[in-house]
Every structure is written in C-alpha cells, then in structure tokens.
Amino acid sequence: MRGPLSAIAEDPVETSIETISVVYGLQPLIANSAANSALAALRPGKTWHADVLFNAIAIAMTSVFPKKSLVLLPLLLGAALSHAEPTTTLNQPAALLEALDAGQKVSVTIDLSRCQPQAGGRPSQTKGGLLAIDAYRVLPDGTISFADTHFTASDSAAPLFQTLRYQVKVDGSVNFRQVLFNLPDYALVSQSSFNCTIGNGVEFRTARRGW
C-alpha cells in the first residue's frame, strides 16, 4: 500500500525502528529504549509493521518525553492509521460502483503513458490521481462519470482553472479528458483526451471491508 510515508521504506507497510527515528527526529527516544519496555522488544535492524512501531513509540513517548509526545503523538497515530489500513484494488466497473454506492472512500491513480491519446493528440508521461472521488453520477448506459476541478497556475504564475473528467465504461475502458482555462475570462487554453482501461493506465482502490 502506498501512503503518505511511502518514502521511508521500499515497502511502506514494514520498516525499522531506526528508519522511523531518523524520519521523525526521535533518536533521543530510541537511545533510551533499553530502559523502556515498549521499545526494548523492537530489535534493531528488524522490520516491523508500521502500526506496531508507531504504537510502541507513542507509548514510549508518554513516559520518556511527555511534553514532546503532546506535539508528535497525533502525527504518529495518524501515520499509523494510514499504514494499518489495507486496500483493495477495484478491477471491474461493477466493483467500483458498488464501493461508491456504499459510501466507501475510493482513490484514483492515472498513468497517461499507458493510455492512448485521442484525435491525434500527443502522448503524455503525466501521472497523478485523486485521494478520493467526491461526487459521481451514473449515466443511462452504465457509465460512471466523475471529475476534479481546481485552480492552478502556469509556469509564469498566471492563474488557471483546470477540469479533469473521468468516464468509466461498463467494458472497463476509461475516457480521461483535461481542459485548462485562462482566468478571469475562462478562455480555453488547452484540452486533451486519452483512452485508458482499468488496470492499464487507471486504477481504483478502496479500504478493505472490516478495517
């Protein structure tokens, strides 16, 4: 699973007590581990599930550095939760719709290098995604449609408004379109469309049920 702390280890679900201590500047706490039962069992050099590490550090901080724990404890617990929640890949449009209809948080990743540009457009190496689909609608033909709209800026710091639209067809194909507008007049700057498929260019993930 890729979470906010994916940079700390090749597999972010497991990492070592030494790595966590460097990332969060907790070397003084680790130095006291011999006298602290919460950390003494975490053998140096061994990898552990991140939620185990964060929980142990949180307990240790309350006894060794009570003032510092008040500042870092929410951060550590939040990081633990982001690692501890396994995800399920949604490989079919029906599974995607079921998750959305159930109110589950569904994230999206897109890799345009694996998609085909439409209407003679240029290939793209852009990668990105959404942390969660906020709103969606289902068209009469079963297409699941959703979009992300946001303000951004050009390389010259000129204000822009961008729309990213996803349309997931019942056969698993995904139409992705981006439109960029100038501000404040909303004049069209650029637009492009790509044909992708679920599992090849676009992926959907949600938390596993029961977690």
N, C-alpha and C. Protein backbone atom coordinates (compact mmCIF):
# COMPACT_ATOMS: atom_id res chain seq x y z
N MET A 1 0.85 -1.20 0.00
CA MET A 1 0.00 0.00 0.00
C MET A 1 0.88 1.24 0.00
N ARG A 2 0.54 2.21 -0.79
CA ARG A 2 1.26 3.47 -0.83
C ARG A 2 0.52 4.50 0.00
N GLY A 3 1.17 5.01 1.04
CA GLY A 3 0.56 6.00 1.91
C GLY A 3 1.42 7.24 1.98
N PRO A 4 1.09 8.20 2.87
CA PRO A 4 1.83 9.44 2.97
C PRO A 4 3.30 9.25 3.32
N LEU A 5 3.65 8.09 3.92
CA LEU A 5 5.03 7.87 4.33
C LEU A 5 5.72 6.85 3.45
N SER A 6 5.31 6.71 2.21
CA SER A 6 5.86 5.67 1.35
C SER A 6 7.34 5.86 1.09
N ALA A 7 7.86 7.07 1.30
CA ALA A 7 9.27 7.31 1.03
C ALA A 7 10.19 6.72 2.09
N ILE A 8 9.67 6.32 3.23
CA ILE A 8 10.54 5.88 4.31
C ILE A 8 11.00 4.45 4.14
N ALA A 9 10.41 3.68 3.25
CA ALA A 9 10.82 2.29 3.08
C ALA A 9 10.37 1.80 1.72
N GLU A 10 11.06 0.79 1.21
CA GLU A 10 10.69 0.22 -0.08
C GLU A 10 9.28 -0.34 0.01
N ASP A 11 8.96 -1.02 1.12
CA ASP A 11 7.60 -1.45 1.39
C ASP A 11 7.12 -0.65 2.58
N PRO A 12 6.26 0.36 2.38
CA PRO A 12 5.89 1.27 3.46
C PRO A 12 5.10 0.61 4.57
N VAL A 13 4.61 -0.63 4.35
CA VAL A 13 3.87 -1.29 5.41
C VAL A 13 4.81 -1.75 6.51
N GLU A 14 6.05 -2.09 6.14
CA GLU A 14 7.02 -2.52 7.12
C GLU A 14 8.26 -1.64 7.04
N THR A 15 8.84 -1.33 8.18
CA THR A 15 10.06 -0.55 8.22
C THR A 15 10.73 -0.82 9.57
N SER A 16 11.86 -0.18 9.81
CA SER A 16 12.61 -0.45 11.02
C SER A 16 12.47 0.71 12.01
N ILE A 17 12.77 0.41 13.27
CA ILE A 17 12.72 1.43 14.31
C ILE A 17 13.74 2.52 14.04
N GLU A 18 14.89 2.15 13.44
CA GLU A 18 15.92 3.15 13.13
C GLU A 18 15.44 4.13 12.07
N THR A 19 14.77 3.62 11.03
CA THR A 19 14.28 4.49 9.97
C THR A 19 13.25 5.47 10.50
N ILE A 20 12.30 4.97 11.29
CA ILE A 20 11.28 5.84 11.87
C ILE A 20 11.91 6.92 12.74
N SER A 21 12.92 6.55 13.49
CA SER A 21 13.55 7.53 14.40
C SER A 21 14.23 8.64 13.63
N VAL A 22 14.83 8.32 12.47
CA VAL A 22 15.51 9.34 11.66
C VAL A 22 14.47 10.26 11.02
N VAL A 23 13.39 9.67 10.47
CA VAL A 23 12.37 10.47 9.80
C VAL A 23 11.75 11.47 10.75
N TYR A 24 11.49 11.07 11.99
CA TYR A 24 10.80 11.93 12.94
C TYR A 24 11.71 12.57 13.98
N GLY A 25 13.03 12.39 13.83
CA GLY A 25 13.95 13.00 14.78
C GLY A 25 13.82 12.48 16.19
N LEU A 26 13.61 11.18 16.31
CA LEU A 26 13.37 10.58 17.62
C LEU A 26 14.57 9.78 18.13
N GLN A 27 15.77 10.11 17.64
CA GLN A 27 16.94 9.36 18.10
C GLN A 27 17.11 9.39 19.61
N PRO A 28 16.86 10.52 20.30
CA PRO A 28 16.99 10.50 21.77
C PRO A 28 16.05 9.50 22.42
N LEU A 29 14.88 9.34 21.85
CA LEU A 29 13.94 8.36 22.40
C LEU A 29 14.45 6.95 22.19
N ILE A 30 14.97 6.68 20.99
CA ILE A 30 15.47 5.34 20.70
C ILE A 30 16.66 5.01 21.59
N ALA A 31 17.46 6.02 21.92
CA ALA A 31 18.63 5.79 22.77
C ALA A 31 18.22 5.32 24.16
N ASN A 32 17.00 5.62 24.57
CA ASN A 32 16.51 5.20 25.87
C ASN A 32 15.73 3.89 25.81
N SER A 33 15.79 3.20 24.68
CA SER A 33 14.95 2.02 24.51
C SER A 33 15.30 0.89 25.47
N ALA A 34 16.57 0.80 25.90
CA ALA A 34 16.96 -0.28 26.80
C ALA A 34 16.21 -0.19 28.12
N ALA A 35 15.82 1.03 28.50
CA ALA A 35 15.11 1.22 29.76
C ALA A 35 13.61 1.32 29.56
N ASN A 36 13.15 1.12 28.35
CA ASN A 36 11.73 1.29 28.07
C ASN A 36 11.18 0.01 27.46
N SER A 37 10.24 -0.61 28.15
CA SER A 37 9.71 -1.91 27.71
C SER A 37 8.99 -1.82 26.38
N ALA A 38 8.43 -0.66 26.07
CA ALA A 38 7.68 -0.52 24.82
C ALA A 38 8.56 -0.64 23.60
N LEU A 39 9.85 -0.24 23.74
CA LEU A 39 10.77 -0.26 22.61
C LEU A 39 11.80 -1.36 22.70
N ALA A 40 12.01 -1.93 23.87
CA ALA A 40 13.06 -2.92 24.05
C ALA A 40 12.84 -4.15 23.18
N ALA A 41 11.58 -4.48 22.92
CA ALA A 41 11.29 -5.68 22.12
C ALA A 41 11.49 -5.47 20.63
N LEU A 42 11.63 -4.21 20.20
CA LEU A 42 11.81 -3.91 18.78
C LEU A 42 13.28 -4.01 18.43
N ARG A 43 13.72 -5.18 18.06
CA ARG A 43 15.13 -5.45 17.85
C ARG A 43 15.69 -4.59 16.72
N PRO A 44 16.87 -3.98 16.91
CA PRO A 44 17.48 -3.14 15.86
C PRO A 44 17.71 -3.95 14.58
N GLY A 45 17.45 -3.30 13.45
CA GLY A 45 17.69 -3.93 12.16
C GLY A 45 16.53 -4.76 11.64
N LYS A 46 15.57 -5.10 12.49
CA LYS A 46 14.43 -5.91 12.06
C LYS A 46 13.30 -4.99 11.60
N THR A 47 12.57 -5.41 10.56
CA THR A 47 11.45 -4.61 10.09
C THR A 47 10.16 -5.08 10.77
N TRP A 48 9.27 -4.09 10.96
CA TRP A 48 8.01 -4.33 11.64
C TRP A 48 6.90 -3.65 10.87
N HIS A 49 5.68 -4.11 11.08
CA HIS A 49 4.54 -3.36 10.54
C HIS A 49 4.55 -1.97 11.16
N ALA A 50 4.31 -0.98 10.34
CA ALA A 50 4.43 0.41 10.79
C ALA A 50 3.50 0.73 11.94
N ASP A 51 2.29 0.13 11.95
CA ASP A 51 1.39 0.43 13.04
C ASP A 51 1.93 -0.06 14.37
N VAL A 52 2.67 -1.19 14.36
CA VAL A 52 3.31 -1.69 15.59
C VAL A 52 4.36 -0.71 16.07
N LEU A 53 5.18 -0.23 15.15
CA LEU A 53 6.24 0.73 15.52
C LEU A 53 5.65 2.01 16.08
N PHE A 54 4.68 2.58 15.38
CA PHE A 54 4.11 3.86 15.82
C PHE A 54 3.42 3.74 17.17
N ASN A 55 2.71 2.63 17.37
CA ASN A 55 2.05 2.46 18.66
C ASN A 55 3.06 2.33 19.79
N ALA A 56 4.14 1.58 19.56
CA ALA A 56 5.17 1.44 20.58
C ALA A 56 5.84 2.77 20.88
N ILE A 57 6.14 3.54 19.83
CA ILE A 57 6.77 4.85 20.03
C ILE A 57 5.83 5.78 20.78
N ALA A 58 4.54 5.75 20.43
CA ALA A 58 3.59 6.61 21.11
C ALA A 58 3.53 6.31 22.60
N ILE A 59 3.52 5.02 22.96
CA ILE A 59 3.51 4.63 24.37
C ILE A 59 4.79 5.07 25.07
N ALA A 60 5.93 4.86 24.40
CA ALA A 60 7.21 5.23 24.99
C ALA A 60 7.33 6.72 25.21
N MET A 61 6.82 7.51 24.26
CA MET A 61 6.95 8.96 24.36
C MET A 61 6.20 9.51 25.56
N THR A 62 5.06 8.90 25.88
CA THR A 62 4.28 9.42 27.01
C THR A 62 5.02 9.27 28.34
N SER A 63 5.96 8.31 28.41
CA SER A 63 6.70 8.11 29.66
C SER A 63 8.08 8.75 29.65
N VAL A 64 8.72 8.80 28.47
CA VAL A 64 10.09 9.32 28.40
C VAL A 64 10.11 10.82 28.13
N PHE A 65 9.28 11.26 27.15
CA PHE A 65 9.23 12.68 26.79
C PHE A 65 7.78 13.14 26.79
N PRO A 66 7.17 13.31 27.93
CA PRO A 66 5.75 13.65 27.97
C PRO A 66 5.39 14.93 27.25
N LYS A 67 6.23 15.96 27.28
CA LYS A 67 5.91 17.22 26.61
C LYS A 67 5.98 17.07 25.10
N LYS A 68 7.03 16.40 24.64
CA LYS A 68 7.18 16.22 23.20
C LYS A 68 6.08 15.32 22.64
N SER A 69 5.63 14.37 23.45
CA SER A 69 4.60 13.46 22.96
C SER A 69 3.31 14.18 22.65
N LEU A 70 3.03 15.28 23.35
CA LEU A 70 1.80 16.02 23.10
C LEU A 70 1.80 16.63 21.70
N VAL A 71 3.00 16.92 21.18
CA VAL A 71 3.11 17.52 19.85
C VAL A 71 3.11 16.45 18.76
N LEU A 72 3.88 15.37 18.96
CA LEU A 72 4.08 14.38 17.92
C LEU A 72 3.09 13.23 17.95
N LEU A 73 2.43 13.01 19.06
CA LEU A 73 1.55 11.86 19.17
C LEU A 73 0.45 11.84 18.11
N PRO A 74 -0.26 12.97 17.85
CA PRO A 74 -1.28 12.93 16.79
C PRO A 74 -0.69 12.59 15.43
N LEU A 75 0.52 13.10 15.14
CA LEU A 75 1.16 12.81 13.87
C LEU A 75 1.48 11.33 13.75
N LEU A 76 2.02 10.76 14.83
CA LEU A 76 2.38 9.35 14.81
C LEU A 76 1.17 8.45 14.67
N LEU A 77 0.11 8.77 15.40
CA LEU A 77 -1.09 7.95 15.32
C LEU A 77 -1.74 8.04 13.95
N GLY A 78 -1.73 9.25 13.36
CA GLY A 78 -2.27 9.41 12.02
C GLY A 78 -1.47 8.62 11.00
N ALA A 79 -0.15 8.64 11.15
CA ALA A 79 0.70 7.87 10.24
C ALA A 79 0.45 6.38 10.42
N ALA A 80 0.26 5.95 11.66
CA ALA A 80 -0.01 4.53 11.92
C ALA A 80 -1.29 4.10 11.23
N LEU A 81 -2.31 4.91 11.32
CA LEU A 81 -3.59 4.56 10.70
C LEU A 81 -3.47 4.50 9.19
N SER A 82 -2.67 5.39 8.60
CA SER A 82 -2.54 5.40 7.15
C SER A 82 -1.85 4.14 6.66
N HIS A 83 -0.97 3.56 7.49
CA HIS A 83 -0.28 2.34 7.11
C HIS A 83 -1.10 1.11 7.45
N ALA A 84 -1.85 1.17 8.53
CA ALA A 84 -2.51 -0.03 9.02
C ALA A 84 -3.72 -0.42 8.20
N GLU A 85 -4.24 0.47 7.38
CA GLU A 85 -5.47 0.20 6.65
C GLU A 85 -5.15 -0.39 5.28
N PRO A 86 -5.33 -1.73 5.10
CA PRO A 86 -5.06 -2.35 3.81
C PRO A 86 -6.05 -1.86 2.76
N THR A 87 -5.65 -1.96 1.51
CA THR A 87 -6.52 -1.51 0.43
C THR A 87 -6.85 -2.66 -0.50
N THR A 88 -7.96 -2.51 -1.21
CA THR A 88 -8.39 -3.46 -2.22
C THR A 88 -8.44 -2.76 -3.56
N THR A 89 -7.88 -3.38 -4.59
CA THR A 89 -7.94 -2.84 -5.93
C THR A 89 -9.26 -3.24 -6.58
N LEU A 90 -9.93 -2.26 -7.15
CA LEU A 90 -11.23 -2.48 -7.80
C LEU A 90 -10.98 -2.66 -9.29
N ASN A 91 -11.06 -3.89 -9.76
CA ASN A 91 -10.67 -4.20 -11.14
C ASN A 91 -11.82 -4.18 -12.13
N GLN A 92 -13.05 -4.02 -11.64
CA GLN A 92 -14.21 -4.05 -12.53
C GLN A 92 -15.09 -2.83 -12.26
N PRO A 93 -15.75 -2.29 -13.29
CA PRO A 93 -16.66 -1.16 -13.07
C PRO A 93 -17.74 -1.47 -12.04
N ALA A 94 -18.23 -2.71 -12.03
CA ALA A 94 -19.28 -3.08 -11.07
C ALA A 94 -18.76 -2.97 -9.64
N ALA A 95 -17.51 -3.37 -9.42
CA ALA A 95 -16.92 -3.27 -8.08
C ALA A 95 -16.73 -1.82 -7.68
N LEU A 96 -16.34 -0.98 -8.64
CA LEU A 96 -16.20 0.45 -8.38
C LEU A 96 -17.52 1.06 -7.99
N LEU A 97 -18.56 0.77 -8.74
CA LEU A 97 -19.88 1.33 -8.45
C LEU A 97 -20.40 0.84 -7.10
N GLU A 98 -20.17 -0.43 -6.79
CA GLU A 98 -20.62 -0.97 -5.50
C GLU A 98 -19.95 -0.23 -4.35
N ALA A 99 -18.64 0.03 -4.47
CA ALA A 99 -17.91 0.75 -3.42
C ALA A 99 -18.42 2.18 -3.28
N LEU A 100 -18.66 2.85 -4.39
CA LEU A 100 -19.16 4.22 -4.35
C LEU A 100 -20.57 4.28 -3.75
N ASP A 101 -21.42 3.36 -4.18
CA ASP A 101 -22.80 3.35 -3.67
C ASP A 101 -22.83 3.05 -2.17
N ALA A 102 -21.81 2.32 -1.68
CA ALA A 102 -21.74 2.00 -0.26
C ALA A 102 -21.11 3.12 0.55
N GLY A 103 -20.72 4.21 -0.11
CA GLY A 103 -20.13 5.35 0.58
C GLY A 103 -18.69 5.16 0.96
N GLN A 104 -18.00 4.21 0.33
CA GLN A 104 -16.59 3.98 0.64
C GLN A 104 -15.70 5.02 -0.03
N LYS A 105 -14.57 5.29 0.58
CA LYS A 105 -13.59 6.21 0.02
C LYS A 105 -12.82 5.48 -1.07
N VAL A 106 -12.90 5.99 -2.29
CA VAL A 106 -12.23 5.37 -3.43
C VAL A 106 -11.18 6.34 -3.98
N SER A 107 -9.94 5.89 -4.07
CA SER A 107 -8.88 6.71 -4.65
C SER A 107 -8.64 6.30 -6.09
N VAL A 108 -8.06 7.23 -6.86
CA VAL A 108 -7.81 7.01 -8.28
C VAL A 108 -6.36 7.36 -8.59
N THR A 109 -5.69 6.52 -9.36
CA THR A 109 -4.38 6.86 -9.90
C THR A 109 -4.44 6.70 -11.42
N ILE A 110 -3.75 7.58 -12.12
CA ILE A 110 -3.74 7.52 -13.58
C ILE A 110 -2.32 7.72 -14.09
N ASP A 111 -1.94 6.92 -15.08
CA ASP A 111 -0.63 6.99 -15.72
C ASP A 111 -0.88 7.14 -17.22
N LEU A 112 -0.78 8.37 -17.71
CA LEU A 112 -1.12 8.64 -19.11
C LEU A 112 -0.13 8.01 -20.10
N SER A 113 1.04 7.61 -19.63
CA SER A 113 1.99 6.94 -20.52
C SER A 113 1.47 5.57 -20.95
N ARG A 114 0.49 5.05 -20.22
CA ARG A 114 -0.10 3.75 -20.54
C ARG A 114 -1.45 3.90 -21.23
N CYS A 115 -1.83 5.13 -21.55
CA CYS A 115 -3.09 5.41 -22.22
C CYS A 115 -2.84 5.91 -23.65
N GLN A 116 -3.86 5.84 -24.48
CA GLN A 116 -3.74 6.26 -25.87
C GLN A 116 -4.39 7.63 -26.07
N PRO A 117 -3.65 8.60 -26.61
CA PRO A 117 -4.25 9.92 -26.88
C PRO A 117 -5.32 9.83 -27.95
N GLN A 118 -6.36 10.64 -27.82
CA GLN A 118 -7.45 10.67 -28.79
C GLN A 118 -7.22 11.75 -29.84
N ALA A 119 -7.84 11.57 -31.00
CA ALA A 119 -7.90 12.59 -32.06
C ALA A 119 -6.53 13.14 -32.42
N GLY A 120 -5.56 12.25 -32.57
CA GLY A 120 -4.23 12.68 -32.99
C GLY A 120 -3.48 13.48 -31.95
N GLY A 121 -3.89 13.40 -30.69
CA GLY A 121 -3.21 14.13 -29.63
C GLY A 121 -1.83 13.56 -29.34
N ARG A 122 -1.04 14.30 -28.62
CA ARG A 122 0.32 13.87 -28.30
C ARG A 122 0.33 12.96 -27.08
N PRO A 123 1.22 11.96 -27.06
CA PRO A 123 1.37 11.12 -25.87
C PRO A 123 1.81 11.96 -24.67
N SER A 124 1.55 11.44 -23.50
CA SER A 124 1.90 12.16 -22.27
C SER A 124 2.54 11.21 -21.27
N GLN A 125 3.47 11.71 -20.49
CA GLN A 125 4.11 10.95 -19.42
C GLN A 125 3.55 11.33 -18.05
N THR A 126 2.49 12.11 -18.03
CA THR A 126 1.93 12.62 -16.78
C THR A 126 1.32 11.50 -15.95
N LYS A 127 1.56 11.56 -14.64
CA LYS A 127 0.95 10.65 -13.68
C LYS A 127 0.28 11.48 -12.58
N GLY A 128 -0.80 10.97 -12.04
CA GLY A 128 -1.46 11.71 -10.97
C GLY A 128 -2.61 10.90 -10.41
N GLY A 129 -3.58 11.59 -9.83
CA GLY A 129 -4.72 10.89 -9.29
C GLY A 129 -5.51 11.72 -8.30
N LEU A 130 -6.47 11.06 -7.67
CA LEU A 130 -7.33 11.67 -6.67
C LEU A 130 -7.26 10.84 -5.40
N LEU A 131 -7.20 11.51 -4.25
CA LEU A 131 -7.23 10.78 -2.99
C LEU A 131 -8.60 10.20 -2.72
N ALA A 132 -9.64 10.83 -3.26
CA ALA A 132 -11.00 10.31 -3.09
C ALA A 132 -11.92 10.90 -4.14
N ILE A 133 -12.86 10.09 -4.62
CA ILE A 133 -13.89 10.56 -5.54
C ILE A 133 -14.97 11.24 -4.69
N ASP A 134 -15.12 12.53 -4.84
CA ASP A 134 -16.06 13.28 -4.00
C ASP A 134 -17.51 13.14 -4.46
N ALA A 135 -17.72 13.13 -5.77
CA ALA A 135 -19.08 13.04 -6.31
C ALA A 135 -19.04 12.29 -7.63
N TYR A 136 -20.12 11.61 -7.96
CA TYR A 136 -20.18 10.85 -9.20
C TYR A 136 -21.62 10.75 -9.68
N ARG A 137 -21.78 10.37 -10.92
CA ARG A 137 -23.12 10.10 -11.45
C ARG A 137 -23.02 8.92 -12.40
N VAL A 138 -24.11 8.20 -12.54
CA VAL A 138 -24.17 7.04 -13.42
C VAL A 138 -25.10 7.37 -14.58
N LEU A 139 -24.59 7.31 -15.79
CA LEU A 139 -25.37 7.64 -16.98
C LEU A 139 -26.27 6.46 -17.37
N PRO A 140 -27.27 6.69 -18.22
CA PRO A 140 -28.19 5.62 -18.61
C PRO A 140 -27.52 4.38 -19.19
N ASP A 141 -26.36 4.53 -19.85
CA ASP A 141 -25.68 3.38 -20.42
C ASP A 141 -24.76 2.68 -19.42
N GLY A 142 -24.79 3.11 -18.14
CA GLY A 142 -23.98 2.48 -17.11
C GLY A 142 -22.63 3.14 -16.88
N THR A 143 -22.31 4.16 -17.66
CA THR A 143 -21.04 4.86 -17.49
C THR A 143 -21.00 5.59 -16.15
N ILE A 144 -19.89 5.41 -15.43
CA ILE A 144 -19.66 6.12 -14.16
C ILE A 144 -18.83 7.35 -14.47
N SER A 145 -19.37 8.52 -14.19
CA SER A 145 -18.71 9.77 -14.53
C SER A 145 -18.41 10.58 -13.28
N PHE A 146 -17.18 11.10 -13.18
CA PHE A 146 -16.81 11.98 -12.08
C PHE A 146 -15.70 12.90 -12.56
N ALA A 147 -15.46 13.96 -11.81
CA ALA A 147 -14.48 14.96 -12.24
C ALA A 147 -13.80 15.60 -11.04
N ASP A 148 -12.67 16.19 -11.32
CA ASP A 148 -11.94 17.00 -10.34
C ASP A 148 -11.72 18.37 -10.96
N THR A 149 -12.12 19.42 -10.28
CA THR A 149 -11.89 20.78 -10.75
C THR A 149 -11.10 21.55 -9.71
N HIS A 150 -10.14 22.33 -10.16
CA HIS A 150 -9.31 23.07 -9.21
C HIS A 150 -8.62 24.24 -9.90
N PHE A 151 -8.21 25.19 -9.08
CA PHE A 151 -7.41 26.31 -9.56
C PHE A 151 -5.94 25.91 -9.54
N THR A 152 -5.19 26.40 -10.51
CA THR A 152 -3.76 26.13 -10.56
C THR A 152 -3.07 27.36 -11.15
N ALA A 153 -1.82 27.22 -11.53
CA ALA A 153 -1.07 28.35 -12.09
C ALA A 153 -0.10 27.85 -13.15
N SER A 154 0.17 28.70 -14.12
CA SER A 154 1.12 28.37 -15.17
C SER A 154 2.54 28.54 -14.66
N ASP A 155 3.50 28.17 -15.49
CA ASP A 155 4.92 28.34 -15.10
C ASP A 155 5.26 29.80 -14.86
N SER A 156 4.50 30.70 -15.49
CA SER A 156 4.73 32.14 -15.30
C SER A 156 3.87 32.72 -14.19
N ALA A 157 3.22 31.82 -13.41
CA ALA A 157 2.38 32.22 -12.26
C ALA A 157 1.05 32.83 -12.66
N ALA A 158 0.63 32.66 -13.93
CA ALA A 158 -0.68 33.14 -14.35
C ALA A 158 -1.76 32.20 -13.80
N PRO A 159 -2.85 32.73 -13.27
CA PRO A 159 -3.90 31.86 -12.70
C PRO A 159 -4.64 31.08 -13.78
N LEU A 160 -4.94 29.81 -13.47
CA LEU A 160 -5.63 28.93 -14.41
C LEU A 160 -6.69 28.12 -13.66
N PHE A 161 -7.64 27.61 -14.41
CA PHE A 161 -8.66 26.72 -13.85
C PHE A 161 -8.67 25.44 -14.67
N GLN A 162 -8.59 24.30 -14.01
CA GLN A 162 -8.46 23.02 -14.71
C GLN A 162 -9.59 22.06 -14.33
N THR A 163 -10.10 21.36 -15.33
CA THR A 163 -11.09 20.31 -15.12
C THR A 163 -10.53 18.99 -15.61
N LEU A 164 -10.61 17.96 -14.77
CA LEU A 164 -10.18 16.61 -15.13
C LEU A 164 -11.40 15.70 -15.03
N ARG A 165 -11.83 15.15 -16.15
CA ARG A 165 -13.05 14.34 -16.17
C ARG A 165 -12.71 12.88 -16.48
N TYR A 166 -13.30 12.00 -15.70
CA TYR A 166 -13.14 10.56 -15.90
C TYR A 166 -14.51 9.96 -16.25
N GLN A 167 -14.54 9.10 -17.26
CA GLN A 167 -15.76 8.37 -17.60
C GLN A 167 -15.41 6.89 -17.73
N VAL A 168 -15.94 6.10 -16.79
CA VAL A 168 -15.65 4.67 -16.73
C VAL A 168 -16.78 3.91 -17.41
N LYS A 169 -16.47 3.23 -18.51
CA LYS A 169 -17.48 2.49 -19.26
C LYS A 169 -17.68 1.10 -18.66
N VAL A 170 -18.81 0.47 -19.00
CA VAL A 170 -19.13 -0.84 -18.45
C VAL A 170 -18.16 -1.92 -18.91
N ASP A 171 -17.44 -1.70 -20.03
CA ASP A 171 -16.48 -2.68 -20.51
C ASP A 171 -15.10 -2.50 -19.88
N GLY A 172 -14.97 -1.55 -18.94
CA GLY A 172 -13.70 -1.33 -18.26
C GLY A 172 -12.82 -0.28 -18.90
N SER A 173 -13.23 0.27 -20.02
CA SER A 173 -12.47 1.35 -20.63
C SER A 173 -12.74 2.65 -19.88
N VAL A 174 -11.76 3.55 -19.91
CA VAL A 174 -11.87 4.81 -19.19
C VAL A 174 -11.50 5.95 -20.14
N ASN A 175 -12.39 6.90 -20.28
CA ASN A 175 -12.10 8.11 -21.05
C ASN A 175 -11.69 9.21 -20.08
N PHE A 176 -10.49 9.74 -20.29
CA PHE A 176 -9.98 10.82 -19.44
C PHE A 176 -9.81 12.07 -20.29
N ARG A 177 -10.32 13.18 -19.79
CA ARG A 177 -10.21 14.45 -20.51
C ARG A 177 -9.80 15.56 -19.56
N GLN A 178 -8.81 16.34 -19.99
CA GLN A 178 -8.41 17.50 -19.20
C GLN A 178 -8.62 18.75 -20.02
N VAL A 179 -9.18 19.77 -19.37
CA VAL A 179 -9.43 21.06 -20.03
C VAL A 179 -8.86 22.15 -19.13
N LEU A 180 -8.11 23.06 -19.72
CA LEU A 180 -7.46 24.13 -18.98
C LEU A 180 -7.99 25.48 -19.47
N PHE A 181 -8.43 26.31 -18.53
CA PHE A 181 -8.99 27.63 -18.87
C PHE A 181 -8.13 28.75 -18.28
N ASN A 182 -8.10 29.85 -19.02
CA ASN A 182 -7.44 31.05 -18.51
C ASN A 182 -8.38 31.75 -17.53
N LEU A 183 -7.81 32.53 -16.64
CA LEU A 183 -8.60 33.34 -15.70
C LEU A 183 -8.21 34.81 -15.84
N PRO A 184 -9.16 35.72 -15.71
CA PRO A 184 -10.53 35.52 -15.20
C PRO A 184 -11.59 35.30 -16.28
N ASP A 185 -11.20 35.26 -17.56
CA ASP A 185 -12.21 35.20 -18.63
C ASP A 185 -12.61 33.78 -19.02
N TYR A 186 -11.96 32.77 -18.45
CA TYR A 186 -12.24 31.37 -18.75
C TYR A 186 -12.08 31.05 -20.24
N ALA A 187 -11.16 31.71 -20.89
CA ALA A 187 -10.83 31.38 -22.28
C ALA A 187 -10.09 30.04 -22.30
N LEU A 188 -10.39 29.22 -23.30
CA LEU A 188 -9.77 27.90 -23.39
C LEU A 188 -8.28 28.03 -23.69
N VAL A 189 -7.47 27.35 -22.86
CA VAL A 189 -6.02 27.33 -23.05
C VAL A 189 -5.60 26.06 -23.77
N SER A 190 -6.07 24.91 -23.30
CA SER A 190 -5.72 23.64 -23.92
C SER A 190 -6.71 22.57 -23.47
N GLN A 191 -6.77 21.49 -24.25
CA GLN A 191 -7.57 20.34 -23.86
C GLN A 191 -6.98 19.10 -24.51
N SER A 192 -7.16 17.98 -23.86
CA SER A 192 -6.66 16.72 -24.40
C SER A 192 -7.48 15.58 -23.82
N SER A 193 -7.56 14.49 -24.56
CA SER A 193 -8.32 13.32 -24.13
C SER A 193 -7.51 12.06 -24.35
N PHE A 194 -7.72 11.07 -23.48
CA PHE A 194 -6.98 9.81 -23.56
C PHE A 194 -7.92 8.64 -23.32
N ASN A 195 -7.63 7.53 -23.98
CA ASN A 195 -8.33 6.28 -23.76
C ASN A 195 -7.48 5.37 -22.88
N CYS A 196 -8.01 5.00 -21.73
CA CYS A 196 -7.31 4.12 -20.80
C CYS A 196 -8.21 2.93 -20.49
N THR A 197 -7.73 2.00 -19.71
CA THR A 197 -8.55 0.91 -19.20
C THR A 197 -8.23 0.71 -17.73
N ILE A 198 -9.19 0.15 -17.00
CA ILE A 198 -8.94 -0.18 -15.60
C ILE A 198 -7.84 -1.24 -15.53
N GLY A 199 -6.82 -0.97 -14.76
CA GLY A 199 -5.68 -1.89 -14.66
C GLY A 199 -4.59 -1.60 -15.66
N ASN A 200 -4.84 -0.74 -16.61
CA ASN A 200 -3.82 -0.35 -17.59
C ASN A 200 -3.95 1.14 -17.85
N GLY A 201 -3.39 1.91 -16.95
CA GLY A 201 -3.45 3.36 -17.04
C GLY A 201 -4.25 3.98 -15.92
N VAL A 202 -5.31 3.31 -15.49
CA VAL A 202 -6.15 3.81 -14.40
C VAL A 202 -6.37 2.70 -13.37
N GLU A 203 -6.24 3.05 -12.10
CA GLU A 203 -6.50 2.10 -11.02
C GLU A 203 -7.38 2.74 -9.96
N PHE A 204 -8.27 1.94 -9.40
CA PHE A 204 -9.14 2.38 -8.31
C PHE A 204 -8.86 1.52 -7.08
N ARG A 205 -8.78 2.16 -5.92
CA ARG A 205 -8.52 1.42 -4.68
C ARG A 205 -9.45 1.93 -3.58
N THR A 206 -9.80 1.02 -2.68
CA THR A 206 -10.58 1.38 -1.53
C THR A 206 -10.12 0.56 -0.34
N ALA A 207 -10.46 1.02 0.89
CA ALA A 207 -10.08 0.28 2.09
C ALA A 207 -10.81 -1.05 2.12
N ARG A 208 -10.12 -2.08 2.60
CA ARG A 208 -10.76 -3.38 2.72
C ARG A 208 -11.86 -3.33 3.75
N ARG A 209 -12.93 -4.03 3.48
CA ARG A 209 -14.03 -4.08 4.42
C ARG A 209 -13.60 -4.79 5.69
N GLY A 210 -14.10 -4.29 6.80
CA GLY A 210 -13.78 -4.89 8.08
C GLY A 210 -12.68 -4.16 8.81
N TRP A 211 -12.05 -3.14 8.12
CA TRP A 211 -10.99 -2.36 8.75
C TRP A 211 -11.51 -1.00 9.10
